[in-house]
Amino acid sequence: MSHLAYAASDIQKGDILAFDPNVACGMLETKLKKMEQTLAEKKDIIKDSEKSLTSAATPSIKYGNILLEYHRTLDQFNSMKKDYDRLVVAQEKYWVVYQKVC
């Protein structure tokens, strides 16, 4: 579809759902697979962060440095967890669209 047709229909060029359901299914399926891969990677990072937090919480002679590392890792963990949760929600939305269209 030409740029003029997109402009005339007032639908963004990226919104292929309005034009070809077969193409939309393929694109949604690809996006879902990428999201699943990203979720798996983030889940692994979260697990690693949890291990770091556990080891950093152990008292030692270098308590000050470990405390700083603990808070840094905790911040990274919380940020990654928020990203992960957002991705899960986005993935659920794409599944709903995929099931309706395909």
Protein backbone atom coordinates (compact mmCIF):
# COMPACT_ATOMS: atom_id res chain seq x y z
CA MET A 1 0.00 0.00 0.00
CA SER A 2 1.37 3.40 -0.90
CA HIS A 3 2.20 6.18 1.53
CA LEU A 4 -0.77 8.14 0.19
CA ALA A 5 -3.16 5.31 0.96
CA TYR A 6 -1.85 5.14 4.52
CA ALA A 7 -2.24 8.89 4.88
CA ALA A 8 -5.72 8.84 3.35
CA SER A 9 -6.89 6.08 5.66
CA ASP A 10 -5.51 7.90 8.72
CA ILE A 11 -3.93 4.64 9.90
CA GLN A 12 -0.27 4.56 10.78
CA LYS A 13 2.01 2.71 8.41
CA GLY A 14 2.99 0.28 11.19
CA ASP A 15 -0.61 -0.76 11.78
CA ILE A 16 -0.71 -3.61 9.28
CA LEU A 17 -3.60 -5.25 11.11
CA ALA A 18 -5.98 -2.95 9.25
CA PHE A 19 -4.79 -4.12 5.84
CA ASP A 20 -3.71 -7.78 5.68
CA PRO A 21 -4.54 -10.30 8.42
CA ASN A 22 -2.17 -12.93 6.98
CA VAL A 23 0.78 -10.58 7.17
CA ALA A 24 -0.40 -9.43 10.59
CA CYS A 25 -0.39 -13.01 11.90
CA GLY A 26 3.16 -13.57 10.74
CA MET A 27 4.36 -10.30 12.22
CA LEU A 28 2.58 -10.92 15.51
CA GLU A 29 3.99 -14.43 15.72
CA THR A 30 7.51 -13.11 15.13
CA LYS A 31 7.01 -10.37 17.73
CA LEU A 32 5.70 -12.90 20.26
CA LYS A 33 8.71 -15.17 19.72
CA LYS A 34 11.07 -12.24 20.25
CA MET A 35 9.17 -11.25 23.38
CA GLU A 36 9.43 -14.80 24.73
CA GLN A 37 13.19 -14.76 24.13
CA THR A 38 13.54 -11.37 25.81
CA LEU A 39 11.44 -12.56 28.75
CA ALA A 40 13.66 -15.62 29.17
CA GLU A 41 16.79 -13.45 29.10
CA LYS A 42 15.35 -11.02 31.63
CA LYS A 43 14.24 -13.88 33.86
CA ASP A 44 17.81 -15.22 33.87
CA ILE A 45 19.17 -11.78 34.74
CA ILE A 46 16.64 -11.49 37.56
CA LYS A 47 17.74 -14.88 38.94
CA ASP A 48 21.39 -13.79 38.77
CA SER A 49 20.51 -10.54 40.53
CA GLU A 50 18.74 -12.45 43.28
CA LYS A 51 21.87 -14.57 43.79
CA SER A 52 24.00 -11.42 43.96
CA LEU A 53 21.62 -9.87 46.46
CA THR A 54 21.76 -12.97 48.63
CA SER A 55 25.56 -13.09 48.63
CA ALA A 56 25.85 -9.32 49.16
CA ALA A 57 23.60 -9.53 52.20
CA THR A 58 26.12 -11.78 53.98
CA PRO A 59 28.11 -9.79 56.60
CA SER A 60 31.85 -9.47 56.06
CA ILE A 61 34.86 -7.29 56.87
CA LYS A 62 34.23 -5.15 53.78
CA TYR A 63 30.68 -4.36 54.83
CA GLY A 64 30.62 -0.83 53.34
CA ASN A 65 31.61 -1.99 49.86
CA ILE A 66 29.25 -4.92 49.99
CA LEU A 67 26.42 -2.66 51.13
CA LEU A 68 27.01 -0.35 48.15
CA GLU A 69 27.08 -3.35 45.81
CA TYR A 70 23.92 -4.67 47.42
CA HIS A 71 22.03 -1.43 46.81
CA ARG A 72 23.35 -1.15 43.25
CA THR A 73 22.28 -4.71 42.50
CA LEU A 74 18.94 -4.15 44.22
CA ASP A 75 18.28 -1.10 42.01
CA GLN A 76 19.20 -3.10 38.90
CA PHE A 77 16.98 -5.95 40.06
CA ASN A 78 13.99 -3.67 40.65
CA SER A 79 14.45 -1.99 37.28
CA MET A 80 14.76 -5.31 35.47
CA LYS A 81 11.72 -6.67 37.31
CA LYS A 82 9.65 -3.67 36.17
CA ASP A 83 10.82 -4.19 32.57
CA TYR A 84 9.99 -7.88 32.83
CA ASP A 85 6.51 -7.18 34.19
CA ARG A 86 5.83 -4.66 31.40
CA LEU A 87 6.95 -7.17 28.81
CA VAL A 88 4.63 -9.83 30.25
CA VAL A 89 1.69 -7.42 29.98
CA ALA A 90 2.65 -6.45 26.42
CA GLN A 91 3.00 -10.11 25.46
CA GLU A 92 -0.46 -10.86 26.83
CA LYS A 93 -1.92 -8.03 24.73
CA TYR A 94 -0.22 -9.35 21.60
CA TRP A 95 -1.57 -12.86 22.29
CA VAL A 96 -5.09 -11.47 22.50
CA VAL A 97 -4.66 -9.68 19.16
CA TYR A 98 -3.02 -12.76 17.62
CA GLN A 99 -5.88 -15.01 18.70
CA LYS A 100 -8.49 -12.62 17.32
CA VAL A 101 -6.77 -12.11 13.98
CA CYS A 102 -5.32 -15.53 13.29
